[in-house]
C-alpha atoms as a PDB file:
ATOM      1  CA  UNK A   1     110.712-115.354  35.563  1.00  0.00           C
ATOM      2  CA  UNK A   2     109.436-112.252  33.765  1.00  0.00           C
ATOM      3  CA  UNK A   3     105.864-111.190  34.522  1.00  0.00           C
ATOM      4  CA  UNK A   4     103.129-111.874  31.989  1.00  0.00           C
ATOM      5  CA  UNK A   5     101.138-108.855  30.811  1.00  0.00           C
ATOM      6  CA  UNK A   6      98.723-110.650  28.447  1.00  0.00           C
ATOM      7  CA  UNK A   7      97.831-114.324  28.371  1.00  0.00           C
ATOM      8  CA  UNK A   8      95.540-115.872  25.755  1.00  0.00           C
ATOM      9  CA  UNK A   9      94.648-119.550  25.789  1.00  0.00           C
ATOM     10  CA  UNK A  10      92.862-121.505  23.062  1.00  0.00           C
ATOM     11  CA  UNK A  11      90.919-118.575  21.617  1.00  0.00           C
ATOM     12  CA  UNK A  12      88.195-119.291  19.069  1.00  0.00           C
ATOM     13  CA  UNK A  13      86.091-116.748  17.199  1.00  0.00           C
ATOM     14  CA  UNK A  14      83.705-117.281  14.296  1.00  0.00           C
ATOM     15  CA  UNK A  15      81.424-114.980  12.358  1.00  0.00           C
ATOM     16  CA  UNK A  16      78.660-117.226  11.107  1.00  0.00           C
ATOM     17  CA  UNK A  17      80.306-120.141   9.309  1.00  0.00           C
ATOM     18  CA  UNK A  18      83.616-118.293   8.967  1.00  0.00           C
ATOM     19  CA  UNK A  19      86.210-119.455  11.532  1.00  0.00           C
ATOM     20  CA  UNK A  20      88.421-116.385  11.983  1.00  0.00           C
ATOM     21  CA  UNK A  21      90.468-117.320  15.068  1.00  0.00           C
ATOM     22  CA  UNK A  22      91.251-120.971  15.753  1.00  0.00           C
ATOM     23  CA  UNK A  23      92.958-122.246  18.917  1.00  0.00           C
ATOM     24  CA  UNK A  24      95.201-119.197  19.361  1.00  0.00           C
ATOM     25  CA  UNK A  25      97.363-119.194  22.500  1.00  0.00           C
ATOM     26  CA  UNK A  26      99.762-116.343  23.276  1.00  0.00           C
ATOM     27  CA  UNK A  27     101.813-115.003  26.158  1.00  0.00           C
ATOM     28  CA  UNK A  28     103.081-111.403  26.079  1.00  0.00           C
ATOM     29  CA  UNK A  29     105.828-110.646  28.580  1.00  0.00           C
ATOM     30  CA  UNK A  30     105.706-107.327  30.414  1.00  0.00           C
ATOM     31  CA  UNK A  31     107.882-104.698  28.721  1.00  0.00           C
ATOM     32  CA  UNK A  32     108.075-106.641  25.441  1.00  0.00           C
ATOM     33  CA  UNK A  33     106.748-105.864  21.951  1.00  0.00           C
ATOM     34  CA  UNK A  34     104.914-108.703  20.204  1.00  0.00           C
ATOM     35  CA  UNK A  35     103.739-108.408  16.605  1.00  0.00           C
ATOM     36  CA  UNK A  36     100.867-110.354  15.095  1.00  0.00           C
ATOM     37  CA  UNK A  37     101.976-110.832  11.494  1.00  0.00           C
ATOM     38  CA  UNK A  38     100.177-112.371   8.573  1.00  0.00           C
ATOM     39  CA  UNK A  39      98.324-111.790   5.304  1.00  0.00           C
ATOM     40  CA  UNK A  40      94.948-110.068   5.075  1.00  0.00           C
ATOM     41  CA  UNK A  41      92.172-112.188   6.542  1.00  0.00           C
ATOM     42  CA  UNK A  42      94.455-114.354   8.692  1.00  0.00           C
ATOM     43  CA  UNK A  43      92.757-113.333  11.972  1.00  0.00           C
ATOM     44  CA  UNK A  44      95.402-111.017  13.412  1.00  0.00           C
ATOM     45  CA  UNK A  45      93.147-107.939  13.791  1.00  0.00           C
ATOM     46  CA  UNK A  46      90.325-110.043  15.251  1.00  0.00           C
ATOM     47  CA  UNK A  47      92.789-111.456  17.807  1.00  0.00           C
ATOM     48  CA  UNK A  48      93.781-107.897  18.753  1.00  0.00           C
ATOM     49  CA  UNK A  49      90.108-106.898  19.074  1.00  0.00           C
ATOM     50  CA  UNK A  50      89.477-109.913  21.323  1.00  0.00           C
ATOM     51  CA  UNK A  51      92.256-108.721  23.650  1.00  0.00           C
ATOM     52  CA  UNK A  52      90.903-105.158  23.566  1.00  0.00           C
ATOM     53  CA  UNK A  53      87.357-106.302  24.304  1.00  0.00           C
ATOM     54  CA  UNK A  54      85.779-105.072  21.071  1.00  0.00           C
ATOM     55  CA  UNK A  55      84.943-108.679  20.197  1.00  0.00           C
ATOM     56  CA  UNK A  56      83.955-111.521  22.497  1.00  0.00           C
ATOM     57  CA  UNK A  57      85.587-114.941  22.056  1.00  0.00           C
ATOM     58  CA  UNK A  58      83.341-117.934  21.430  1.00  0.00           C
ATOM     59  CA  UNK A  59      85.615-119.872  23.758  1.00  0.00           C
ATOM     60  CA  UNK A  60      89.011-119.509  25.367  1.00  0.00           C
ATOM     61  CA  UNK A  61      90.634-117.403  28.062  1.00  0.00           C
ATOM     62  CA  UNK A  62      92.156-113.907  28.072  1.00  0.00           C
ATOM     63  CA  UNK A  63      94.015-112.504  31.084  1.00  0.00           C
ATOM     64  CA  UNK A  64      95.518-109.025  31.374  1.00  0.00           C
ATOM     65  CA  UNK A  65      97.961-108.550  34.241  1.00  0.00           C
ATOM     66  CA  UNK A  66      96.616-111.713  35.857  1.00  0.00           C
ATOM     67  CA  UNK A  67      92.954-110.631  35.711  1.00  0.00           C
ATOM     68  CA  UNK A  68      90.539-112.700  33.651  1.00  0.00           C
ATOM     69  CA  UNK A  69      88.874-110.312  31.202  1.00  0.00           C
ATOM     70  CA  UNK A  70      87.269-112.905  28.912  1.00  0.00           C
ATOM     71  CA  UNK A  71      86.403-116.536  29.526  1.00  0.00           C
ATOM     72  CA  UNK A  72      84.185-117.747  26.723  1.00  0.00           C
ATOM     73  CA  UNK A  73      80.600-116.881  27.571  1.00  0.00           C
ATOM     74  CA  UNK A  74      81.209-116.548  31.330  1.00  0.00           C
ATOM     75  CA  UNK A  75      83.260-113.359  31.702  1.00  0.00           C
ATOM     76  CA  UNK A  76      83.521-110.327  29.446  1.00  0.00           C
ATOM     77  CA  UNK A  77      85.096-107.236  31.001  1.00  0.00           C
ATOM     78  CA  UNK A  78      84.259-104.122  28.915  1.00  0.00           C
ATOM     79  CA  UNK A  79      87.106-102.463  26.960  1.00  0.00           C
ATOM     80  CA  UNK A  80      87.318 -99.379  29.185  1.00  0.00           C
ATOM     81  CA  UNK A  81      88.050-101.563  32.241  1.00  0.00           C
ATOM     82  CA  UNK A  82      90.735-103.775  30.699  1.00  0.00           C
ATOM     83  CA  UNK A  83      93.647-101.319  31.100  1.00  0.00           C
ATOM     84  CA  UNK A  84      94.490-101.781  27.414  1.00  0.00           C
ATOM     85  CA  UNK A  85      95.340 -98.695  25.358  1.00  0.00           C
ATOM     86  CA  UNK A  86      94.456 -98.719  21.661  1.00  0.00           C
ATOM     87  CA  UNK A  87      96.008 -96.989  18.665  1.00  0.00           C
ATOM     88  CA  UNK A  88      93.780 -97.424  15.635  1.00  0.00           C
ATOM     89  CA  UNK A  89      94.754 -97.583  11.976  1.00  0.00           C
ATOM     90  CA  UNK A  90      93.243 -94.130  11.346  1.00  0.00           C
ATOM     91  CA  UNK A  91      94.438 -92.838  14.783  1.00  0.00           C
ATOM     92  CA  UNK A  92      90.808 -91.909  15.771  1.00  0.00           C
ATOM     93  CA  UNK A  93      91.879 -88.430  16.920  1.00  0.00           C
ATOM     94  CA  UNK A  94      88.914 -86.217  17.737  1.00  0.00           C
ATOM     95  CA  UNK A  95      88.951 -83.481  15.061  1.00  0.00           C
ATOM     96  CA  UNK A  96      87.045 -80.956  17.220  1.00  0.00           C
ATOM     97  CA  UNK A  97      89.481 -81.195  20.149  1.00  0.00           C
ATOM     98  CA  UNK A  98      92.928 -79.657  20.426  1.00  0.00           C
ATOM     99  CA  UNK A  99      96.025 -81.823  20.681  1.00  0.00           C
ATOM    100  CA  UNK A 100      96.139 -81.379  24.463  1.00  0.00           C
ATOM    101  CA  UNK A 101      92.421 -82.091  24.820  1.00  0.00           C
ATOM    102  CA  UNK A 102      92.828 -85.267  22.804  1.00  0.00           C
ATOM    103  CA  UNK A 103      95.564 -86.511  25.110  1.00  0.00           C
ATOM    104  CA  UNK A 104      93.585 -85.481  28.214  1.00  0.00           C
ATOM    105  CA  UNK A 105      90.553 -87.436  27.041  1.00  0.00           C
ATOM    106  CA  UNK A 106      89.928 -90.232  29.530  1.00  0.00           C
ATOM    107  CA  UNK A 107      92.238 -88.812  32.205  1.00  0.00           C
ATOM    108  CA  UNK A 108      91.038 -87.462  35.536  1.00  0.00           C
ATOM    109  CA  UNK A 109      89.967 -83.837  35.510  1.00  0.00           C
ATOM    110  CA  UNK A 110      91.932 -81.032  37.129  1.00  0.00           C
ATOM    111  CA  UNK A 111      95.616 -80.293  37.450  1.00  0.00           C
ATOM    112  CA  UNK A 112      96.700 -83.930  37.648  1.00  0.00           C
ATOM    113  CA  UNK A 113      95.153 -84.768  34.257  1.00  0.00           C
ATOM    114  CA  UNK A 114      96.538 -81.569  32.728  1.00  0.00           C
ATOM    115  CA  UNK A 115     100.032 -82.324  34.005  1.00  0.00           C
ATOM    116  CA  UNK A 116      99.914 -85.916  32.766  1.00  0.00           C
ATOM    117  CA  UNK A 117      98.764 -84.826  29.290  1.00  0.00           C
ATOM    118  CA  UNK A 118     101.525 -82.234  29.050  1.00  0.00           C
ATOM    119  CA  UNK A 119     104.050 -84.793  30.281  1.00  0.00           C
ATOM    120  CA  UNK A 120     103.019 -87.252  27.559  1.00  0.00           C
ATOM    121  CA  UNK A 121     103.151 -84.603  24.827  1.00  0.00           C
ATOM    122  CA  UNK A 122     106.676 -83.748  25.906  1.00  0.00           C
ATOM    123  CA  UNK A 123     107.537 -87.452  25.966  1.00  0.00           C
ATOM    124  CA  UNK A 124     106.521 -87.904  22.309  1.00  0.00           C
ATOM    125  CA  UNK A 125     108.356 -84.741  21.249  1.00  0.00           C
ATOM    126  CA  UNK A 126     105.342 -82.429  20.947  1.00  0.00           C
ATOM    127  CA  UNK A 127     105.806 -80.081  23.868  1.00  0.00           C
ATOM    128  CA  UNK A 128     104.309 -76.668  23.141  1.00  0.00           C
ATOM    129  CA  UNK A 129     101.939 -77.964  20.438  1.00  0.00           C
ATOM    130  CA  UNK A 130      98.995 -78.678  22.717  1.00  0.00           C
ATOM    131  CA  UNK A 131      96.853 -75.828  21.347  1.00  0.00           C
ATOM    132  CA  UNK A 132      97.083 -76.999  17.737  1.00  0.00           C
ATOM    133  CA  UNK A 133      94.128 -78.720  16.085  1.00  0.00           C
ATOM    134  CA  UNK A 134      94.511 -82.173  14.464  1.00  0.00           C
ATOM    135  CA  UNK A 135      94.125 -80.816  10.910  1.00  0.00           C
ATOM    136  CA  UNK A 136      97.192 -78.632  11.488  1.00  0.00           C
ATOM    137  CA  UNK A 137      99.413 -81.658  12.111  1.00  0.00           C
ATOM    138  CA  UNK A 138     101.414 -83.863   9.777  1.00  0.00           C
ATOM    139  CA  UNK A 139     100.710 -87.575   9.603  1.00  0.00           C
ATOM    140  CA  UNK A 140     103.702 -88.320  11.806  1.00  0.00           C
ATOM    141  CA  UNK A 141     102.561 -85.797  14.418  1.00  0.00           C
ATOM    142  CA  UNK A 142      99.061 -87.263  14.443  1.00  0.00           C
ATOM    143  CA  UNK A 143     100.615 -90.662  15.059  1.00  0.00           C
ATOM    144  CA  UNK A 144     102.461 -89.272  18.078  1.00  0.00           C
ATOM    145  CA  UNK A 145      99.280 -87.699  19.473  1.00  0.00           C
ATOM    146  CA  UNK A 146      97.494 -91.040  19.196  1.00  0.00           C
ATOM    147  CA  UNK A 147     100.414 -92.743  20.954  1.00  0.00           C
ATOM    148  CA  UNK A 148     100.517 -90.118  23.729  1.00  0.00           C
ATOM    149  CA  UNK A 149      96.758 -90.464  24.314  1.00  0.00           C
ATOM    150  CA  UNK A 150      96.991 -94.258  24.492  1.00  0.00           C
ATOM    151  CA  UNK A 151      99.950 -94.187  26.909  1.00  0.00           C
ATOM    152  CA  UNK A 152      98.603 -91.422  29.161  1.00  0.00           C
ATOM    153  CA  UNK A 153      96.398 -93.661  31.407  1.00  0.00           C
ATOM    154  CA  UNK A 154      99.340 -96.054  32.038  1.00  0.00           C
ATOM    155  CA  UNK A 155      97.783 -99.102  30.360  1.00  0.00           C
ATOM    156  CA  UNK A 156      99.022-102.599  31.097  1.00  0.00           C
ATOM    157  CA  UNK A 157      99.288-103.208  27.363  1.00  0.00           C
ATOM    158  CA  UNK A 158      99.204-100.996  24.287  1.00  0.00           C
ATOM    159  CA  UNK A 159      97.413-102.444  21.248  1.00  0.00           C
ATOM    160  CA  UNK A 160      98.289-101.020  17.816  1.00  0.00           C
ATOM    161  CA  UNK A 161      96.326-101.978  14.701  1.00  0.00           C
ATOM    162  CA  UNK A 162      98.485-101.325  11.592  1.00  0.00           C
ATOM    163  CA  UNK A 163      99.350 -97.861  12.969  1.00  0.00           C
ATOM    164  CA  UNK A 164     101.697 -96.859  10.138  1.00  0.00           C
ATOM    165  CA  UNK A 165      99.618 -97.899   7.127  1.00  0.00           C
ATOM    166  CA  UNK A 166      98.364 -94.344   6.428  1.00  0.00           C
ATOM    167  CA  UNK A 167     101.881 -92.889   6.201  1.00  0.00           C
ATOM    168  CA  UNK A 168     103.930 -92.667   3.014  1.00  0.00           C
ATOM    169  CA  UNK A 169     106.916 -95.002   2.736  1.00  0.00           C
ATOM    170  CA  UNK A 170     109.622 -92.507   3.762  1.00  0.00           C
ATOM    171  CA  UNK A 171     107.676 -91.214   6.765  1.00  0.00           C
ATOM    172  CA  UNK A 172     106.623 -94.712   7.801  1.00  0.00           C
ATOM    173  CA  UNK A 173     110.259 -95.811   8.065  1.00  0.00           C
ATOM    174  CA  UNK A 174     111.200 -92.945  10.397  1.00  0.00           C
ATOM    175  CA  UNK A 175     108.004 -92.933  12.497  1.00  0.00           C
ATOM    176  CA  UNK A 176     108.101 -96.630  13.319  1.00  0.00           C
ATOM    177  CA  UNK A 177     111.678 -96.248  14.613  1.00  0.00           C
ATOM    178  CA  UNK A 178     110.524 -93.328  16.770  1.00  0.00           C
ATOM    179  CA  UNK A 179     107.573 -95.323  18.090  1.00  0.00           C
ATOM    180  CA  UNK A 180     109.748 -98.306  18.973  1.00  0.00           C
ATOM    181  CA  UNK A 181     112.168 -96.037  20.833  1.00  0.00           C
ATOM    182  CA  UNK A 182     109.312 -94.361  22.729  1.00  0.00           C
ATOM    183  CA  UNK A 183     107.786 -97.693  23.703  1.00  0.00           C
ATOM    184  CA  UNK A 184     111.121 -98.970  24.971  1.00  0.00           C
ATOM    185  CA  UNK A 185     111.813 -95.751  26.884  1.00  0.00           C
ATOM    186  CA  UNK A 186     108.402 -95.981  28.559  1.00  0.00           C
ATOM    187  CA  UNK A 187     108.909 -99.723  29.228  1.00  0.00           C
ATOM    188  CA  UNK A 188     105.501-100.307  27.674  1.00  0.00           C
ATOM    189  CA  UNK A 189     104.110-103.694  26.740  1.00  0.00           C
ATOM    190  CA  UNK A 190     102.724-103.630  23.208  1.00  0.00           C
ATOM    191  CA  UNK A 191     100.966-105.859  20.691  1.00  0.00           C
ATOM    192  CA  UNK A 192     101.221-104.711  17.069  1.00  0.00           C
ATOM    193  CA  UNK A 193      99.244-105.913  14.086  1.00  0.00           C
ATOM    194  CA  UNK A 194     100.850-105.687  10.647  1.00  0.00           C
ATOM    195  CA  UNK A 195     101.082-107.524   7.325  1.00  0.00           C
ATOM    196  CA  UNK A 196     104.507-105.953   6.662  1.00  0.00           C
ATOM    197  CA  UNK A 197     107.329-108.447   7.300  1.00  0.00           C
ATOM    198  CA  UNK A 198     110.058-105.780   7.451  1.00  0.00           C
ATOM    199  CA  UNK A 199     108.040-103.822   9.992  1.00  0.00           C
ATOM    200  CA  UNK A 200     107.545-106.890  12.180  1.00  0.00           C
ATOM    201  CA  UNK A 201     111.248-107.777  12.123  1.00  0.00           C
ATOM    202  CA  UNK A 202     112.211-104.194  12.981  1.00  0.00           C
ATOM    203  CA  UNK A 203     109.742-103.556  15.801  1.00  0.00           C
ATOM    204  CA  UNK A 204     109.399-106.829  17.627  1.00  0.00           C
ATOM    205  CA  UNK A 205     110.894-108.710  20.513  1.00  0.00           C
ATOM    206  CA  UNK A 206     108.661-111.580  19.384  1.00  0.00           C
ATOM    207  CA  UNK A 207     106.738-112.243  16.172  1.00  0.00           C
ATOM    208  CA  UNK A 208     103.581-114.370  16.028  1.00  0.00           C
ATOM    209  CA  UNK A 209     102.925-115.461  12.437  1.00  0.00           C
ATOM    210  CA  UNK A 210      99.270-116.224  11.686  1.00  0.00           C
ATOM    211  CA  UNK A 211      97.683-118.062   8.780  1.00  0.00           C
ATOM    212  CA  UNK A 212      93.984-118.832   8.288  1.00  0.00           C
ATOM    213  CA  UNK A 213      93.185-118.077  11.918  1.00  0.00           C
ATOM    214  CA  UNK A 214      95.939-120.187  13.435  1.00  0.00           C
ATOM    215  CA  UNK A 215      99.359-119.455  14.845  1.00  0.00           C
ATOM    216  CA  UNK A 216     102.053-120.948  12.627  1.00  0.00           C
ATOM    217  CA  UNK A 217     105.011-119.883  14.770  1.00  0.00           C
ATOM    218  CA  UNK A 218     105.919-117.595  17.664  1.00  0.00           C
ATOM    219  CA  UNK A 219     109.536-116.620  18.169  1.00  0.00           C
ATOM    220  CA  UNK A 220     112.167-113.922  17.956  1.00  0.00           C
ATOM    221  CA  UNK A 221     112.590-112.106  14.617  1.00  0.00           C
ATOM    222  CA  UNK A 222     115.768-114.115  14.008  1.00  0.00           C
ATOM    223  CA  UNK A 223     113.989-117.403  14.696  1.00  0.00           C
ATOM    224  CA  UNK A 224     110.986-116.849  12.451  1.00  0.00           C
ATOM    225  CA  UNK A 225     113.190-115.605   9.604  1.00  0.00           C
ATOM    226  CA  UNK A 226     116.084-118.064   9.758  1.00  0.00           C
ATOM    227  CA  UNK A 227     114.397-121.039  11.453  1.00  0.00           C
ATOM    228  CA  UNK A 228     110.831-121.132  10.113  1.00  0.00           C
ATOM    229  CA  UNK A 229     108.860-124.127  11.338  1.00  0.00           C
ATOM    230  CA  UNK A 230     106.534-124.375   8.329  1.00  0.00           C
ATOM    231  CA  UNK A 231     106.695-123.694   4.603  1.00  0.00           C
ATOM    232  CA  UNK A 232     104.122-120.959   5.026  1.00  0.00           C
ATOM    233  CA  UNK A 233     106.320-119.053   7.497  1.00  0.00           C
ATOM    234  CA  UNK A 234     109.366-119.570   5.263  1.00  0.00           C
ATOM    235  CA  UNK A 235     107.669-118.168   2.179  1.00  0.00           C
ATOM    236  CA  UNK A 236     105.763-115.394   3.965  1.00  0.00           C
ATOM    237  CA  UNK A 237     108.877-114.008   5.666  1.00  0.00           C
ATOM    238  CA  UNK A 238     110.654-113.205   2.416  1.00  0.00           C
ATOM    239  CA  UNK A 239     112.251-114.534  -0.748  1.00  0.00           C
ATOM    240  CA  UNK A 240     112.519-118.294  -0.286  1.00  0.00           C
ATOM    241  CA  UNK A 241     114.070-120.919  -2.515  1.00  0.00           C
ATOM    242  CA  UNK A 242     113.629-124.616  -1.770  1.00  0.00           C
ATOM    243  CA  UNK A 243     116.589-126.631  -2.998  1.00  0.00           C
ATOM    244  CA  UNK A 244     115.850-130.365  -3.431  1.00  0.00           C
ATOM    245  CA  UNK A 245     118.126-132.752  -1.603  1.00  0.00           C
ATOM    246  CA  UNK A 246     118.472-136.231  -0.180  1.00  0.00           C
ATOM    247  CA  UNK A 247     119.549-137.210   3.300  1.00  0.00           C
ATOM    248  CA  UNK A 248     122.894-138.978   3.068  1.00  0.00           C
ATOM    249  CA  UNK A 249     124.811-140.046   6.172  1.00  0.00           C
ATOM    250  CA  UNK A 250     125.249-137.033   8.436  1.00  0.00           C
ATOM    251  CA  UNK A 251     124.105-134.439   5.918  1.00  0.00           C
ATOM    252  CA  UNK A 252     122.148-133.684   2.762  1.00  0.00           C
ATOM    253  CA  UNK A 253     123.283-134.068  -0.837  1.00  0.00           C
ATOM    254  CA  UNK A 254     122.087-131.111  -2.957  1.00  0.00           C
ATOM    255  CA  UNK A 255     122.704-129.607  -6.409  1.00  0.00           C
ATOM    256  CA  UNK A 256     125.088-127.168  -4.693  1.00  0.00           C
ATOM    257  CA  UNK A 257     127.084-129.967  -3.104  1.00  0.00           C
ATOM    258  CA  UNK A 258     127.062-131.713   0.257  1.00  0.00           C
ATOM    259  CA  UNK A 259     125.485-129.872   3.167  1.00  0.00           C
ATOM    260  CA  UNK A 260     127.159-131.287   6.286  1.00  0.00           C
ATOM    261  CA  UNK A 261     124.153-130.848   8.535  1.00  0.00           C
ATOM    262  CA  UNK A 262     122.781-133.915  10.334  1.00  0.00           C
ATOM    263  CA  UNK A 263     119.063-134.620  10.615  1.00  0.00           C
ATOM    264  CA  UNK A 264     117.052-137.341  12.336  1.00  0.00           C
ATOM    265  CA  UNK A 265     115.592-138.434   9.022  1.00  0.00           C
ATOM    266  CA  UNK A 266     116.791-141.752   7.575  1.00  0.00           C
ATOM    267  CA  UNK A 267     119.232-141.852   4.681  1.00  0.00           C
ATOM    268  CA  UNK A 268     117.528-141.648   1.319  1.00  0.00           C
ATOM    269  CA  UNK A 269     114.737-139.321   2.538  1.00  0.00           C
ATOM    270  CA  UNK A 270     113.872-136.580   0.032  1.00  0.00           C
ATOM    271  CA  UNK A 271     114.001-133.111   1.597  1.00  0.00           C
ATOM    272  CA  UNK A 272     114.128-129.441   0.618  1.00  0.00           C
ATOM    273  CA  UNK A 273     116.743-127.001   1.914  1.00  0.00           C
ATOM    274  CA  UNK A 274     115.567-123.415   2.448  1.00  0.00           C
ATOM    275  CA  UNK A 275     117.838-120.802   0.906  1.00  0.00           C
ATOM    276  CA  UNK A 276     117.568-117.051   1.390  1.00  0.00           C
ATOM    277  CA  UNK A 277     119.255-114.747  -1.107  1.00  0.00           C
ATOM    278  CA  UNK A 278     122.251-114.314   1.223  1.00  0.00           C
ATOM    279  CA  UNK A 279     122.743-118.100   1.512  1.00  0.00           C
ATOM    280  CA  UNK A 280     123.899-118.603  -2.090  1.00  0.00           C
ATOM    281  CA  UNK A 281     127.357-117.473  -3.271  1.00  0.00           C
ATOM    282  CA  UNK A 282     128.133-117.072  -6.981  1.00  0.00           C
ATOM    283  CA  UNK A 283     131.323-116.652  -9.012  1.00  0.00           C
ATOM    284  CA  UNK A 284     131.706-116.408 -12.782  1.00  0.00           C
ATOM    285  CA  UNK A 285     132.592-119.828 -14.177  1.00  0.00           C
ATOM    286  CA  UNK A 286     131.995-121.004 -17.755  1.00  0.00           C
ATOM    287  CA  UNK A 287     131.830-124.585 -16.482  1.00  0.00           C
ATOM    288  CA  UNK A 288     129.650-123.679 -13.506  1.00  0.00           C
ATOM    289  CA  UNK A 289     126.420-125.279 -12.307  1.00  0.00           C
ATOM    290  CA  UNK A 290     124.107-122.367 -13.094  1.00  0.00           C
ATOM    291  CA  UNK A 291     123.312-119.463 -15.353  1.00  0.00           C
ATOM    292  CA  UNK A 292     121.933-116.019 -14.461  1.00  0.00           C
ATOM    293  CA  UNK A 293     118.352-115.795 -15.668  1.00  0.00           C
ATOM    294  CA  UNK A 294     117.492-112.304 -14.419  1.00  0.00           C
ATOM    295  CA  UNK A 295     118.664-109.689 -11.964  1.00  0.00           C
ATOM    296  CA  UNK A 296     117.132-107.025  -9.753  1.00  0.00           C
ATOM    297  CA  UNK A 297     119.016-103.869  -8.768  1.00  0.00           C
ATOM    298  CA  UNK A 298     118.091-102.719  -5.240  1.00  0.00           C
ATOM    299  CA  UNK A 299     120.593 -99.887  -4.790  1.00  0.00           C
ATOM    300  CA  UNK A 300     123.298-101.342  -2.586  1.00  0.00           C
ATOM    301  CA  UNK A 301     123.096-104.762  -4.216  1.00  0.00           C
ATOM    302  CA  UNK A 302     121.987-106.959  -7.078  1.00  0.00           C
ATOM    303  CA  UNK A 303     119.713-109.916  -6.440  1.00  0.00           C
ATOM    304  CA  UNK A 304     120.465-112.495  -9.109  1.00  0.00           C
ATOM    305  CA  UNK A 305     118.014-115.205 -10.157  1.00  0.00           C
ATOM    306  CA  UNK A 306     120.029-118.244 -11.155  1.00  0.00           C
ATOM    307  CA  UNK A 307     118.789-121.348 -12.962  1.00  0.00           C
ATOM    308  CA  UNK A 308     120.697-124.464 -11.898  1.00  0.00           C
ATOM    309  CA  UNK A 309     121.497-127.414 -14.147  1.00  0.00           C
ATOM    310  CA  UNK A 310     118.796-129.554 -12.483  1.00  0.00           C
ATOM    311  CA  UNK A 311     116.119-126.913 -13.184  1.00  0.00           C
ATOM    312  CA  UNK A 312     116.007-125.445  -9.673  1.00  0.00           C
ATOM    313  CA  UNK A 313     115.959-121.666  -9.200  1.00  0.00           C
ATOM    314  CA  UNK A 314     117.975-119.910  -6.502  1.00  0.00           C
ATOM    315  CA  UNK A 315     118.518-116.233  -5.733  1.00  0.00           C
ATOM    316  CA  UNK A 316     121.803-114.687  -4.700  1.00  0.00           C
ATOM    317  CA  UNK A 317     122.359-111.321  -3.008  1.00  0.00           C
ATOM    318  CA  UNK A 318     125.598-109.733  -4.194  1.00  0.00           C
ATOM    319  CA  UNK A 319     127.158-106.267  -3.701  1.00  0.00           C
ATOM    320  CA  UNK A 320     126.517-103.747  -6.460  1.00  0.00           C
ATOM    321  CA  UNK A 321     130.186-103.976  -7.453  1.00  0.00           C
ATOM    322  CA  UNK A 322     129.510-107.459  -8.877  1.00  0.00           C
ATOM    323  CA  UNK A 323     127.681-106.423 -12.043  1.00  0.00           C
ATOM    324  CA  UNK A 324     126.864-109.548 -14.070  1.00  0.00           C
ATOM    325  CA  UNK A 325     124.762-109.714 -17.207  1.00  0.00           C
ATOM    326  CA  UNK A 326     121.851-112.024 -17.777  1.00  0.00           C
ATOM    327  CA  UNK A 327     123.029-115.288 -19.315  1.00  0.00           C
ATOM    328  CA  UNK A 328     126.364-115.306 -17.452  1.00  0.00           C
ATOM    329  CA  UNK A 329     127.501-118.801 -16.434  1.00  0.00           C
ATOM    330  CA  UNK A 330     128.264-119.033 -12.702  1.00  0.00           C
ATOM    331  CA  UNK A 331     129.218-121.521 -10.029  1.00  0.00           C
ATOM    332  CA  UNK A 332     126.756-121.462  -7.145  1.00  0.00           C
ATOM    333  CA  UNK A 333     127.713-122.708  -3.684  1.00  0.00           C
ATOM    334  CA  UNK A 334     126.613-122.348  -0.078  1.00  0.00           C
ATOM    335  CA  UNK A 335     127.689-118.917   1.155  1.00  0.00           C
ATOM    336  CA  UNK A 336     128.472-119.836   4.757  1.00  0.00           C
ATOM    337  CA  UNK A 337     128.531-122.593   7.320  1.00  0.00           C
ATOM    338  CA  UNK A 338     125.454-121.727   9.380  1.00  0.00           C
ATOM    339  CA  UNK A 339     122.730-124.345   9.704  1.00  0.00           C
ATOM    340  CA  UNK A 340     119.976-124.026   7.118  1.00  0.00           C
ATOM    341  CA  UNK A 341     116.336-125.019   7.538  1.00  0.00           C
ATOM    342  CA  UNK A 342     115.581-128.460   6.110  1.00  0.00           C
ATOM    343  CA  UNK A 343     111.996-129.319   5.183  1.00  0.00           C
ATOM    344  CA  UNK A 344     110.297-132.676   4.845  1.00  0.00           C
ATOM    345  CA  UNK A 345     106.788-132.030   3.574  1.00  0.00           C
ATOM    346  CA  UNK A 346     105.284-128.855   5.056  1.00  0.00           C
ATOM    347  CA  UNK A 347     107.400-128.834   8.214  1.00  0.00           C
ATOM    348  CA  UNK A 348     111.027-128.172   9.028  1.00  0.00           C
ATOM    349  CA  UNK A 349     113.096-130.780  10.832  1.00  0.00           C
ATOM    350  CA  UNK A 350     113.161-128.362  13.786  1.00  0.00           C
ATOM    351  CA  UNK A 351     109.378-128.629  14.059  1.00  0.00           C
ATOM    352  CA  UNK A 352     109.506-132.411  13.714  1.00  0.00           C
ATOM    353  CA  UNK A 353     112.111-132.575  16.495  1.00  0.00           C
ATOM    354  CA  UNK A 354     109.837-130.437  18.690  1.00  0.00           C
ATOM    355  CA  UNK A 355     112.401-127.662  19.020  1.00  0.00           C
END
């Protein structure tokens, strides 16, 4: 069994009458990257600050590398003794210190600290830039300095609070790939905070989706995207269409035809089938079951919005070579045979089955 780097159990945190973190339990495996994902105000940053020690939980347990660092009102180990490195949203680089001095901050004095700082600068691709001042660096370089400083003391876990939000879109895409590679090369354990779904899917070994202070789902990027347990997770993770259906025998009857996918729900139960844009296939057909209402060109593809005969709306991702005008009649069908998420109320059948 893989070792646990961070363990949180039943965390609660309120500010006055505002309940910010409610019954949050997490386990971060050593060497893995976990991302706390959710909309603004969902409690993800407060959860990170509880782990770091900048906030104290009202109740609940936090362990780092097996050591209890917070236990409600009983134990509260200060941040500097938790062996948790922090990369802030604004990097928090000291403007009056050189790059090397920034990385050396917090390390032991003398040759050992100097050597470790130089080693970390080389590791993040900034060897020879130690004498530069922060204002002489690009945004991407400042990000690397912050990462090198956080990794230099060999923390048990690295905590990163929306570390790419100050970078422009093009730079953000390249820097986050670099950071993921560096974290994996250093075998670091990391907890990210972001509201960016694409970022979470790219960076993470596991994604923890939060909503109104609670964890909605924890799982691999593939699981939270393709097998969401709640409607909130389904809609938050990207374009989501809910196709009405009815359980019939060993499948579901839908406006796109019969979905041969058994559920434990009784026949006649009304359900919704979750469709992503790549789950719906379209072909031009004057006698088809839908008509293109609008389209969005995204470079390598068109995303078509199709109105079905029953009034439902579905989206279909198609290669740019299929260039169809608005108003075109089409036949819409299921694009593949993989199992789709089926919802009854706010929960998927996976959640109801306890899977």
